[in-house]
Amino acid sequence: MSELDVKRLLMQLEKSIREINHDIINPEIAELKLNDLGPVVTMVAQARANYLKVLFEMANKSETERPDAAQINRLKQFRMTYEEQPKDAVAL
């Protein structure tokens, strides 16, 4: 398969995914307005703030001590929470 064929296939795949997502997701979610996104944006910002706060706390302490397993696990939990936020909704 040539590079051009691969690019065409990937473009067709992306188009198909968009169409399938549209057909399945749109009936499940009411038409969004800008004001509807406020709670989502706020939730994402709070999750990001929590993660960054813990990260900076760890970085400031790391000059004198290394983070222990519990601190790293705490940071991981905040990162996972942030990563699970509906980023696609924010990118609308």
C-alpha atoms as a PDB file:
ATOM      1  CA  MET A   1       0.000   0.000   0.000  1.00  0.00           C
ATOM      2  CA  SER A   2       1.482   3.340  -0.999  1.00  0.00           C
ATOM      3  CA  GLU A   3       1.813   6.298   1.341  1.00  0.00           C
ATOM      4  CA  LEU A   4      -0.911   8.075  -0.617  1.00  0.00           C
ATOM      5  CA  ASP A   5      -3.225   5.075  -0.205  1.00  0.00           C
ATOM      6  CA  VAL A   6      -2.555   5.041   3.531  1.00  0.00           C
ATOM      7  CA  LYS A   7      -3.363   8.769   3.775  1.00  0.00           C
ATOM      8  CA  ARG A   8      -6.595   8.257   1.844  1.00  0.00           C
ATOM      9  CA  LEU A   9      -7.549   5.340   4.070  1.00  0.00           C
ATOM     10  CA  LEU A  10      -6.876   7.380   7.210  1.00  0.00           C
ATOM     11  CA  MET A  11      -8.933  10.285   5.872  1.00  0.00           C
ATOM     12  CA  GLN A  12     -11.820   7.930   5.080  1.00  0.00           C
ATOM     13  CA  LEU A  13     -11.525   6.394   8.539  1.00  0.00           C
ATOM     14  CA  GLU A  14     -11.616   9.815  10.232  1.00  0.00           C
ATOM     15  CA  LYS A  15     -14.659  10.815   8.160  1.00  0.00           C
ATOM     16  CA  SER A  16     -16.398   7.571   9.048  1.00  0.00           C
ATOM     17  CA  ILE A  17     -15.641   8.014  12.757  1.00  0.00           C
ATOM     18  CA  ARG A  18     -17.005  11.583  12.687  1.00  0.00           C
ATOM     19  CA  GLU A  19     -20.199  10.441  10.969  1.00  0.00           C
ATOM     20  CA  ILE A  20     -20.735   7.529  13.345  1.00  0.00           C
ATOM     21  CA  ASN A  21     -20.048   9.744  16.379  1.00  0.00           C
ATOM     22  CA  HIS A  22     -22.504  12.319  15.015  1.00  0.00           C
ATOM     23  CA  ASP A  23     -25.193   9.699  14.445  1.00  0.00           C
ATOM     24  CA  ILE A  24     -24.781   8.136  17.893  1.00  0.00           C
ATOM     25  CA  ILE A  25     -23.854  11.076  20.146  1.00  0.00           C
ATOM     26  CA  ASN A  26     -26.105  13.851  18.818  1.00  0.00           C
ATOM     27  CA  PRO A  27     -29.391  12.126  19.726  1.00  0.00           C
ATOM     28  CA  GLU A  28     -28.075  11.611  23.285  1.00  0.00           C
ATOM     29  CA  ILE A  29     -27.050  15.214  24.002  1.00  0.00           C
ATOM     30  CA  ALA A  30     -29.252  18.271  23.695  1.00  0.00           C
ATOM     31  CA  GLU A  31     -28.054  21.022  21.388  1.00  0.00           C
ATOM     32  CA  LEU A  32     -25.331  22.874  23.234  1.00  0.00           C
ATOM     33  CA  LYS A  33     -25.196  26.596  23.731  1.00  0.00           C
ATOM     34  CA  LEU A  34     -22.183  28.544  24.968  1.00  0.00           C
ATOM     35  CA  ASN A  35     -23.683  28.948  28.451  1.00  0.00           C
ATOM     36  CA  ASP A  36     -24.119  25.170  28.696  1.00  0.00           C
ATOM     37  CA  LEU A  37     -20.346  24.715  28.579  1.00  0.00           C
ATOM     38  CA  GLY A  38     -19.665  26.845  31.678  1.00  0.00           C
ATOM     39  CA  PRO A  39     -19.959  23.983  34.186  1.00  0.00           C
ATOM     40  CA  VAL A  40     -17.782  21.715  32.031  1.00  0.00           C
ATOM     41  CA  VAL A  41     -15.086  24.368  31.588  1.00  0.00           C
ATOM     42  CA  THR A  42     -15.157  25.113  35.324  1.00  0.00           C
ATOM     43  CA  MET A  43     -14.843  21.422  36.207  1.00  0.00           C
ATOM     44  CA  VAL A  44     -11.870  20.985  33.873  1.00  0.00           C
ATOM     45  CA  ALA A  45     -10.155  24.118  35.219  1.00  0.00           C
ATOM     46  CA  GLN A  46     -10.610  22.964  38.824  1.00  0.00           C
ATOM     47  CA  ALA A  47      -9.212  19.524  38.043  1.00  0.00           C
ATOM     48  CA  ARG A  48      -6.229  21.112  36.289  1.00  0.00           C
ATOM     49  CA  ALA A  49      -5.663  23.484  39.204  1.00  0.00           C
ATOM     50  CA  ASN A  50      -5.715  20.625  41.725  1.00  0.00           C
ATOM     51  CA  TYR A  51      -3.207  18.622  39.692  1.00  0.00           C
ATOM     52  CA  LEU A  52      -0.852  21.577  39.168  1.00  0.00           C
ATOM     53  CA  LYS A  53      -1.038  22.606  42.834  1.00  0.00           C
ATOM     54  CA  VAL A  54       0.073  19.135  43.980  1.00  0.00           C
ATOM     55  CA  LEU A  55       2.732  18.982  41.277  1.00  0.00           C
ATOM     56  CA  PHE A  56       4.233  22.334  42.315  1.00  0.00           C
ATOM     57  CA  GLU A  57       4.100  21.367  45.998  1.00  0.00           C
ATOM     58  CA  MET A  58       6.053  18.219  45.178  1.00  0.00           C
ATOM     59  CA  ALA A  59       8.538  20.112  43.011  1.00  0.00           C
ATOM     60  CA  ASN A  60       9.211  22.674  45.744  1.00  0.00           C
ATOM     61  CA  LYS A  61       9.812  19.930  48.307  1.00  0.00           C
ATOM     62  CA  SER A  62      11.982  17.918  45.924  1.00  0.00           C
ATOM     63  CA  GLU A  63      14.845  20.365  46.460  1.00  0.00           C
ATOM     64  CA  THR A  64      15.199  18.943  49.962  1.00  0.00           C
ATOM     65  CA  GLU A  65      13.464  15.565  49.751  1.00  0.00           C
ATOM     66  CA  ARG A  66      12.317  13.127  47.112  1.00  0.00           C
ATOM     67  CA  PRO A  67       8.589  12.429  46.789  1.00  0.00           C
ATOM     68  CA  ASP A  68       7.539   9.196  48.436  1.00  0.00           C
ATOM     69  CA  ALA A  69       5.161   6.604  46.973  1.00  0.00           C
ATOM     70  CA  ALA A  70       2.117   8.130  48.678  1.00  0.00           C
ATOM     71  CA  GLN A  71       2.859  11.582  47.253  1.00  0.00           C
ATOM     72  CA  ILE A  72       3.387  10.178  43.791  1.00  0.00           C
ATOM     73  CA  ASN A  73       0.149   8.204  44.043  1.00  0.00           C
ATOM     74  CA  ARG A  74      -1.701  11.363  45.143  1.00  0.00           C
ATOM     75  CA  LEU A  75      -0.318  13.247  42.138  1.00  0.00           C
ATOM     76  CA  LYS A  76      -1.314  10.360  39.884  1.00  0.00           C
ATOM     77  CA  GLN A  77      -4.886  10.466  41.190  1.00  0.00           C
ATOM     78  CA  PHE A  78      -5.148  14.196  40.467  1.00  0.00           C
ATOM     79  CA  ARG A  79      -3.668  13.668  36.984  1.00  0.00           C
ATOM     80  CA  MET A  80      -6.089  10.860  36.241  1.00  0.00           C
ATOM     81  CA  THR A  81      -9.001  13.006  37.391  1.00  0.00           C
ATOM     82  CA  TYR A  82      -7.877  15.822  35.123  1.00  0.00           C
ATOM     83  CA  GLU A  83      -7.313  13.504  32.167  1.00  0.00           C
ATOM     84  CA  GLU A  84     -10.773  12.004  32.573  1.00  0.00           C
ATOM     85  CA  GLN A  85     -12.445  15.401  32.254  1.00  0.00           C
ATOM     86  CA  PRO A  86     -14.447  15.807  29.043  1.00  0.00           C
ATOM     87  CA  LYS A  87     -11.803  17.695  27.085  1.00  0.00           C
ATOM     88  CA  ASP A  88     -13.678  17.220  23.828  1.00  0.00           C
ATOM     89  CA  ALA A  89     -16.557  19.230  25.236  1.00  0.00           C
ATOM     90  CA  VAL A  90     -14.195  22.105  25.972  1.00  0.00           C
ATOM     91  CA  ALA A  91     -12.774  22.041  22.452  1.00  0.00           C
ATOM     92  CA  LEU A  92     -16.180  22.622  20.811  1.00  0.00           C
END
